[in-house]
Amino acid sequence: MKNRTERLASIGMLATGLAHEIKSPLAALLTATHPAQDVKDKQDAGAKLEKSLQNVVESTTWCD
């Protein structure tokens, strides 16, 4: 019985780690897209957009 409990606990820990690995890059992508959406009619729009796109690339690469 103890062996089964340990296996279930291990599966739970694996699932938690996997969810974290997926959610972290997605949160970074979401965070990076907000500034890109707010660049309309701003003087430094190009720089903000470039930084946001770089963050998206880095987050996407992290998932790869």
PDB file of N, CA and C in Angstrom:
ATOM      1  N   MET A   1       0.823  -1.194   0.000  1.00  0.00           N
ATOM      2  CA  MET A   1       0.000   0.000   0.000  1.00  0.00           C
ATOM      3  C   MET A   1       0.869   1.260   0.000  1.00  0.00           C
ATOM      4  N   LYS A   2       1.931   1.217   0.781  1.00  0.00           N
ATOM      5  CA  LYS A   2       2.803   2.382   0.849  1.00  0.00           C
ATOM      6  C   LYS A   2       3.444   2.664  -0.509  1.00  0.00           C
ATOM      7  N   ASN A   3       3.784   1.631  -1.223  1.00  0.00           N
ATOM      8  CA  ASN A   3       4.402   1.781  -2.524  1.00  0.00           C
ATOM      9  C   ASN A   3       3.472   2.517  -3.498  1.00  0.00           C
ATOM     10  N   ARG A   4       2.195   2.154  -3.462  1.00  0.00           N
ATOM     11  CA  ARG A   4       1.212   2.814  -4.333  1.00  0.00           C
ATOM     12  C   ARG A   4       1.072   4.282  -3.956  1.00  0.00           C
ATOM     13  N   THR A   5       1.042   4.580  -2.684  1.00  0.00           N
ATOM     14  CA  THR A   5       0.928   5.958  -2.210  1.00  0.00           C
ATOM     15  C   THR A   5       2.135   6.781  -2.673  1.00  0.00           C
ATOM     16  N   GLU A   6       3.309   6.198  -2.585  1.00  0.00           N
ATOM     17  CA  GLU A   6       4.514   6.896  -3.032  1.00  0.00           C
ATOM     18  C   GLU A   6       4.481   7.163  -4.532  1.00  0.00           C
ATOM     19  N   ARG A   7       4.003   6.202  -5.296  1.00  0.00           N
ATOM     20  CA  ARG A   7       3.902   6.391  -6.754  1.00  0.00           C
ATOM     21  C   ARG A   7       2.909   7.493  -7.089  1.00  0.00           C
ATOM     22  N   LEU A   8       1.778   7.497  -6.415  1.00  0.00           N
ATOM     23  CA  LEU A   8       0.780   8.543  -6.665  1.00  0.00           C
ATOM     24  C   LEU A   8       1.322   9.917  -6.286  1.00  0.00           C
ATOM     25  N   ALA A   9       2.056   9.974  -5.191  1.00  0.00           N
ATOM     26  CA  ALA A   9       2.665  11.241  -4.783  1.00  0.00           C
ATOM     27  C   ALA A   9       3.682  11.697  -5.819  1.00  0.00           C
ATOM     28  N   SER A  10       4.446  10.779  -6.361  1.00  0.00           N
ATOM     29  CA  SER A  10       5.436  11.115  -7.394  1.00  0.00           C
ATOM     30  C   SER A  10       4.757  11.630  -8.658  1.00  0.00           C
ATOM     31  N   ILE A  11       3.662  10.995  -9.033  1.00  0.00           N
ATOM     32  CA  ILE A  11       2.911  11.446 -10.218  1.00  0.00           C
ATOM     33  C   ILE A  11       2.356  12.853  -9.983  1.00  0.00           C
ATOM     34  N   GLY A  12       1.868  13.100  -8.802  1.00  0.00           N
ATOM     35  CA  GLY A  12       1.361  14.428  -8.467  1.00  0.00           C
ATOM     36  C   GLY A  12       2.452  15.485  -8.539  1.00  0.00           C
ATOM     37  N   MET A  13       3.630  15.151  -8.035  1.00  0.00           N
ATOM     38  CA  MET A  13       4.746  16.100  -8.091  1.00  0.00           C
ATOM     39  C   MET A  13       5.179  16.338  -9.534  1.00  0.00           C
ATOM     40  N   LEU A  14       5.188  15.298 -10.353  1.00  0.00           N
ATOM     41  CA  LEU A  14       5.538  15.423 -11.763  1.00  0.00           C
ATOM     42  C   LEU A  14       4.537  16.316 -12.485  1.00  0.00           C
ATOM     43  N   ALA A  15       3.263  16.107 -12.230  1.00  0.00           N
ATOM     44  CA  ALA A  15       2.220  16.916 -12.863  1.00  0.00           C
ATOM     45  C   ALA A  15       2.335  18.382 -12.451  1.00  0.00           C
ATOM     46  N   THR A  16       2.636  18.627 -11.193  1.00  0.00           N
ATOM     47  CA  THR A  16       2.803  19.999 -10.710  1.00  0.00           C
ATOM     48  C   THR A  16       3.985  20.667 -11.396  1.00  0.00           C
ATOM     49  N   GLY A  17       5.102  19.955 -11.501  1.00  0.00           N
ATOM     50  CA  GLY A  17       6.288  20.500 -12.165  1.00  0.00           C
ATOM     51  C   GLY A  17       6.033  20.777 -13.627  1.00  0.00           C
ATOM     52  N   LEU A  18       5.334  19.884 -14.290  1.00  0.00           N
ATOM     53  CA  LEU A  18       5.017  20.062 -15.699  1.00  0.00           C
ATOM     54  C   LEU A  18       4.102  21.271 -15.905  1.00  0.00           C
ATOM     55  N   ALA A  19       3.105  21.412 -15.074  1.00  0.00           N
ATOM     56  CA  ALA A  19       2.203  22.561 -15.173  1.00  0.00           C
ATOM     57  C   ALA A  19       2.975  23.865 -14.984  1.00  0.00           C
ATOM     58  N   HIS A  20       3.902  23.878 -14.046  1.00  0.00           N
ATOM     59  CA  HIS A  20       4.712  25.068 -13.805  1.00  0.00           C
ATOM     60  C   HIS A  20       5.563  25.396 -15.031  1.00  0.00           C
ATOM     61  N   GLU A  21       6.158  24.387 -15.646  1.00  0.00           N
ATOM     62  CA  GLU A  21       7.011  24.594 -16.819  1.00  0.00           C
ATOM     63  C   GLU A  21       6.215  25.130 -18.005  1.00  0.00           C
ATOM     64  N   ILE A  22       4.954  24.806 -18.083  1.00  0.00           N
ATOM     65  CA  ILE A  22       4.113  25.300 -19.169  1.00  0.00           C
ATOM     66  C   ILE A  22       3.588  26.699 -18.852  1.00  0.00           C
ATOM     67  N   LYS A  23       3.162  26.909 -17.613  1.00  0.00           N
ATOM     68  CA  LYS A  23       2.547  28.188 -17.259  1.00  0.00           C
ATOM     69  C   LYS A  23       3.544  29.340 -17.218  1.00  0.00           C
ATOM     70  N   SER A  24       4.768  29.088 -16.822  1.00  0.00           N
ATOM     71  CA  SER A  24       5.750  30.173 -16.718  1.00  0.00           C
ATOM     72  C   SER A  24       6.004  30.858 -18.062  1.00  0.00           C
ATOM     73  N   PRO A  25       6.315  30.107 -19.133  1.00  0.00           N
ATOM     74  CA  PRO A  25       6.507  30.776 -20.425  1.00  0.00           C
ATOM     75  C   PRO A  25       5.237  31.444 -20.940  1.00  0.00           C
ATOM     76  N   LEU A  26       4.089  30.838 -20.672  1.00  0.00           N
ATOM     77  CA  LEU A  26       2.840  31.454 -21.127  1.00  0.00           C
ATOM     78  C   LEU A  26       2.602  32.787 -20.413  1.00  0.00           C
ATOM     79  N   ALA A  27       2.899  32.837 -19.134  1.00  0.00           N
ATOM     80  CA  ALA A  27       2.759  34.089 -18.394  1.00  0.00           C
ATOM     81  C   ALA A  27       3.728  35.136 -18.936  1.00  0.00           C
ATOM     82  N   ALA A  28       4.930  34.714 -19.273  1.00  0.00           N
ATOM     83  CA  ALA A  28       5.912  35.643 -19.839  1.00  0.00           C
ATOM     84  C   ALA A  28       5.444  36.161 -21.197  1.00  0.00           C
ATOM     85  N   LEU A  29       4.855  35.290 -22.000  1.00  0.00           N
ATOM     86  CA  LEU A  29       4.326  35.718 -23.296  1.00  0.00           C
ATOM     87  C   LEU A  29       3.212  36.744 -23.121  1.00  0.00           C
ATOM     88  N   LEU A  30       2.319  36.470 -22.209  1.00  0.00           N
ATOM     89  CA  LEU A  30       1.220  37.396 -21.949  1.00  0.00           C
ATOM     90  C   LEU A  30       1.738  38.737 -21.455  1.00  0.00           C
ATOM     91  N   THR A  31       2.699  38.690 -20.553  1.00  0.00           N
ATOM     92  CA  THR A  31       3.293  39.920 -20.030  1.00  0.00           C
ATOM     93  C   THR A  31       3.986  40.707 -21.133  1.00  0.00           C
ATOM     94  N   ALA A  32       4.618  40.028 -22.065  1.00  0.00           N
ATOM     95  CA  ALA A  32       5.337  40.692 -23.147  1.00  0.00           C
ATOM     96  C   ALA A  32       4.402  41.309 -24.176  1.00  0.00           C
ATOM     97  N   THR A  33       3.215  40.756 -24.318  1.00  0.00           N
ATOM     98  CA  THR A  33       2.319  41.274 -25.352  1.00  0.00           C
ATOM     99  C   THR A  33       1.579  42.540 -24.924  1.00  0.00           C
ATOM    100  N   HIS A  34       1.404  42.745 -23.637  1.00  0.00           N
ATOM    101  CA  HIS A  34       0.692  43.948 -23.196  1.00  0.00           C
ATOM    102  C   HIS A  34       1.388  45.240 -23.625  1.00  0.00           C
ATOM    103  N   PRO A  35       2.687  45.404 -23.421  1.00  0.00           N
ATOM    104  CA  PRO A  35       3.332  46.635 -23.896  1.00  0.00           C
ATOM    105  C   PRO A  35       3.245  46.785 -25.410  1.00  0.00           C
ATOM    106  N   ALA A  36       3.290  45.684 -26.141  1.00  0.00           N
ATOM    107  CA  ALA A  36       3.194  45.744 -27.591  1.00  0.00           C
ATOM    108  C   ALA A  36       1.830  46.277 -28.023  1.00  0.00           C
ATOM    109  N   GLN A  37       0.813  45.982 -27.250  1.00  0.00           N
ATOM    110  CA  GLN A  37      -0.521  46.468 -27.574  1.00  0.00           C
ATOM    111  C   GLN A  37      -0.687  47.951 -27.253  1.00  0.00           C
ATOM    112  N   ASP A  38       0.123  48.464 -26.352  1.00  0.00           N
ATOM    113  CA  ASP A  38      -0.015  49.849 -25.901  1.00  0.00           C
ATOM    114  C   ASP A  38       0.900  50.837 -26.613  1.00  0.00           C
ATOM    115  N   VAL A  39       1.503  50.455 -27.721  1.00  0.00           N
ATOM    116  CA  VAL A  39       2.481  51.336 -28.367  1.00  0.00           C
ATOM    117  C   VAL A  39       1.876  52.301 -29.381  1.00  0.00           C
ATOM    118  N   LYS A  40       0.611  52.230 -29.594  1.00  0.00           N
ATOM    119  CA  LYS A  40      -0.029  53.112 -30.568  1.00  0.00           C
ATOM    120  C   LYS A  40       0.244  54.580 -30.225  1.00  0.00           C
ATOM    121  N   ASP A  41       0.644  55.335 -31.235  1.00  0.00           N
ATOM    122  CA  ASP A  41       0.832  56.788 -31.117  1.00  0.00           C
ATOM    123  C   ASP A  41       1.816  57.182 -30.015  1.00  0.00           C
ATOM    124  N   LYS A  42       2.804  56.365 -29.761  1.00  0.00           N
ATOM    125  CA  LYS A  42       3.817  56.712 -28.769  1.00  0.00           C
ATOM    126  C   LYS A  42       5.140  56.936 -29.476  1.00  0.00           C
ATOM    127  N   GLN A  43       5.903  57.837 -28.926  1.00  0.00           N
ATOM    128  CA  GLN A  43       7.160  58.221 -29.549  1.00  0.00           C
ATOM    129  C   GLN A  43       8.167  57.064 -29.557  1.00  0.00           C
ATOM    130  N   ASP A  44       8.226  56.299 -28.513  1.00  0.00           N
ATOM    131  CA  ASP A  44       9.186  55.196 -28.411  1.00  0.00           C
ATOM    132  C   ASP A  44       8.552  53.847 -28.766  1.00  0.00           C
ATOM    133  N   ALA A  45       7.586  53.872 -29.665  1.00  0.00           N
ATOM    134  CA  ALA A  45       6.839  52.668 -30.016  1.00  0.00           C
ATOM    135  C   ALA A  45       7.745  51.572 -30.570  1.00  0.00           C
ATOM    136  N   GLY A  46       8.686  51.939 -31.406  1.00  0.00           N
ATOM    137  CA  GLY A  46       9.572  50.946 -32.018  1.00  0.00           C
ATOM    138  C   GLY A  46      10.387  50.193 -30.979  1.00  0.00           C
ATOM    139  N   ALA A  47      10.944  50.911 -30.024  1.00  0.00           N
ATOM    140  CA  ALA A  47      11.766  50.282 -28.991  1.00  0.00           C
ATOM    141  C   ALA A  47      10.923  49.372 -28.093  1.00  0.00           C
ATOM    142  N   LYS A  48       9.726  49.825 -27.723  1.00  0.00           N
ATOM    143  CA  LYS A  48       8.854  49.006 -26.882  1.00  0.00           C
ATOM    144  C   LYS A  48       8.408  47.744 -27.617  1.00  0.00           C
ATOM    145  N   LEU A  49       8.079  47.910 -28.878  1.00  0.00           N
ATOM    146  CA  LEU A  49       7.645  46.766 -29.675  1.00  0.00           C
ATOM    147  C   LEU A  49       8.791  45.765 -29.837  1.00  0.00           C
ATOM    148  N   GLU A  50       9.988  46.251 -30.107  1.00  0.00           N
ATOM    149  CA  GLU A  50      11.147  45.371 -30.253  1.00  0.00           C
ATOM    150  C   GLU A  50      11.419  44.593 -28.968  1.00  0.00           C
ATOM    151  N   LYS A  51      11.340  45.271 -27.830  1.00  0.00           N
ATOM    152  CA  LYS A  51      11.573  44.608 -26.535  1.00  0.00           C
ATOM    153  C   LYS A  51      10.490  43.557 -26.273  1.00  0.00           C
ATOM    154  N   SER A  52       9.248  43.877 -26.571  1.00  0.00           N
ATOM    155  CA  SER A  52       8.156  42.927 -26.375  1.00  0.00           C
ATOM    156  C   SER A  52       8.330  41.703 -27.265  1.00  0.00           C
ATOM    157  N   LEU A  53       8.707  41.939 -28.515  1.00  0.00           N
ATOM    158  CA  LEU A  53       8.908  40.821 -29.429  1.00  0.00           C
ATOM    159  C   LEU A  53      10.083  39.942 -28.996  1.00  0.00           C
ATOM    160  N   GLN A  54      11.137  40.563 -28.483  1.00  0.00           N
ATOM    161  CA  GLN A  54      12.272  39.789 -27.982  1.00  0.00           C
ATOM    162  C   GLN A  54      11.846  38.912 -26.804  1.00  0.00           C
ATOM    163  N   ASN A  55      11.019  39.452 -25.927  1.00  0.00           N
ATOM    164  CA  ASN A  55      10.504  38.667 -24.794  1.00  0.00           C
ATOM    165  C   ASN A  55       9.666  37.487 -25.279  1.00  0.00           C
ATOM    166  N   VAL A  56       8.876  37.703 -26.317  1.00  0.00           N
ATOM    167  CA  VAL A  56       8.056  36.629 -26.874  1.00  0.00           C
ATOM    168  C   VAL A  56       8.955  35.535 -27.440  1.00  0.00           C
ATOM    169  N   VAL A  57       9.993  35.933 -28.185  1.00  0.00           N
ATOM    170  CA  VAL A  57      10.916  34.961 -28.749  1.00  0.00           C
ATOM    171  C   VAL A  57      11.605  34.161 -27.661  1.00  0.00           C
ATOM    172  N   GLU A  58      12.081  34.825 -26.618  1.00  0.00           N
ATOM    173  CA  GLU A  58      12.768  34.147 -25.524  1.00  0.00           C
ATOM    174  C   GLU A  58      11.832  33.167 -24.803  1.00  0.00           C
ATOM    175  N   SER A  59      10.608  33.598 -24.562  1.00  0.00           N
ATOM    176  CA  SER A  59       9.646  32.733 -23.873  1.00  0.00           C
ATOM    177  C   SER A  59       9.270  31.528 -24.710  1.00  0.00           C
ATOM    178  N   THR A  60       9.118  31.748 -26.003  1.00  0.00           N
ATOM    179  CA  THR A  60       8.785  30.656 -26.916  1.00  0.00           C
ATOM    180  C   THR A  60       9.936  29.667 -27.001  1.00  0.00           C
ATOM    181  N   THR A  61      11.150  30.175 -27.053  1.00  0.00           N
ATOM    182  CA  THR A  61      12.317  29.316 -27.104  1.00  0.00           C
ATOM    183  C   THR A  61      12.440  28.492 -25.833  1.00  0.00           C
ATOM    184  N   TRP A  62      12.057  29.065 -24.719  1.00  0.00           N
ATOM    185  CA  TRP A  62      12.098  28.369 -23.434  1.00  0.00           C
ATOM    186  C   TRP A  62      11.204  27.127 -23.480  1.00  0.00           C
ATOM    187  N   CYS A  63      10.079  27.227 -24.180  1.00  0.00           N
ATOM    188  CA  CYS A  63       9.152  26.096 -24.284  1.00  0.00           C
ATOM    189  C   CYS A  63       9.674  24.997 -25.191  1.00  0.00           C
ATOM    190  N   ASP A  64      10.580  25.344 -26.076  1.00  0.00           N
ATOM    191  CA  ASP A  64      11.073  24.406 -27.074  1.00  0.00           C
ATOM    192  C   ASP A  64      11.953  23.349 -26.490  1.00  0.00           C
TER     193      ASP A  64
END
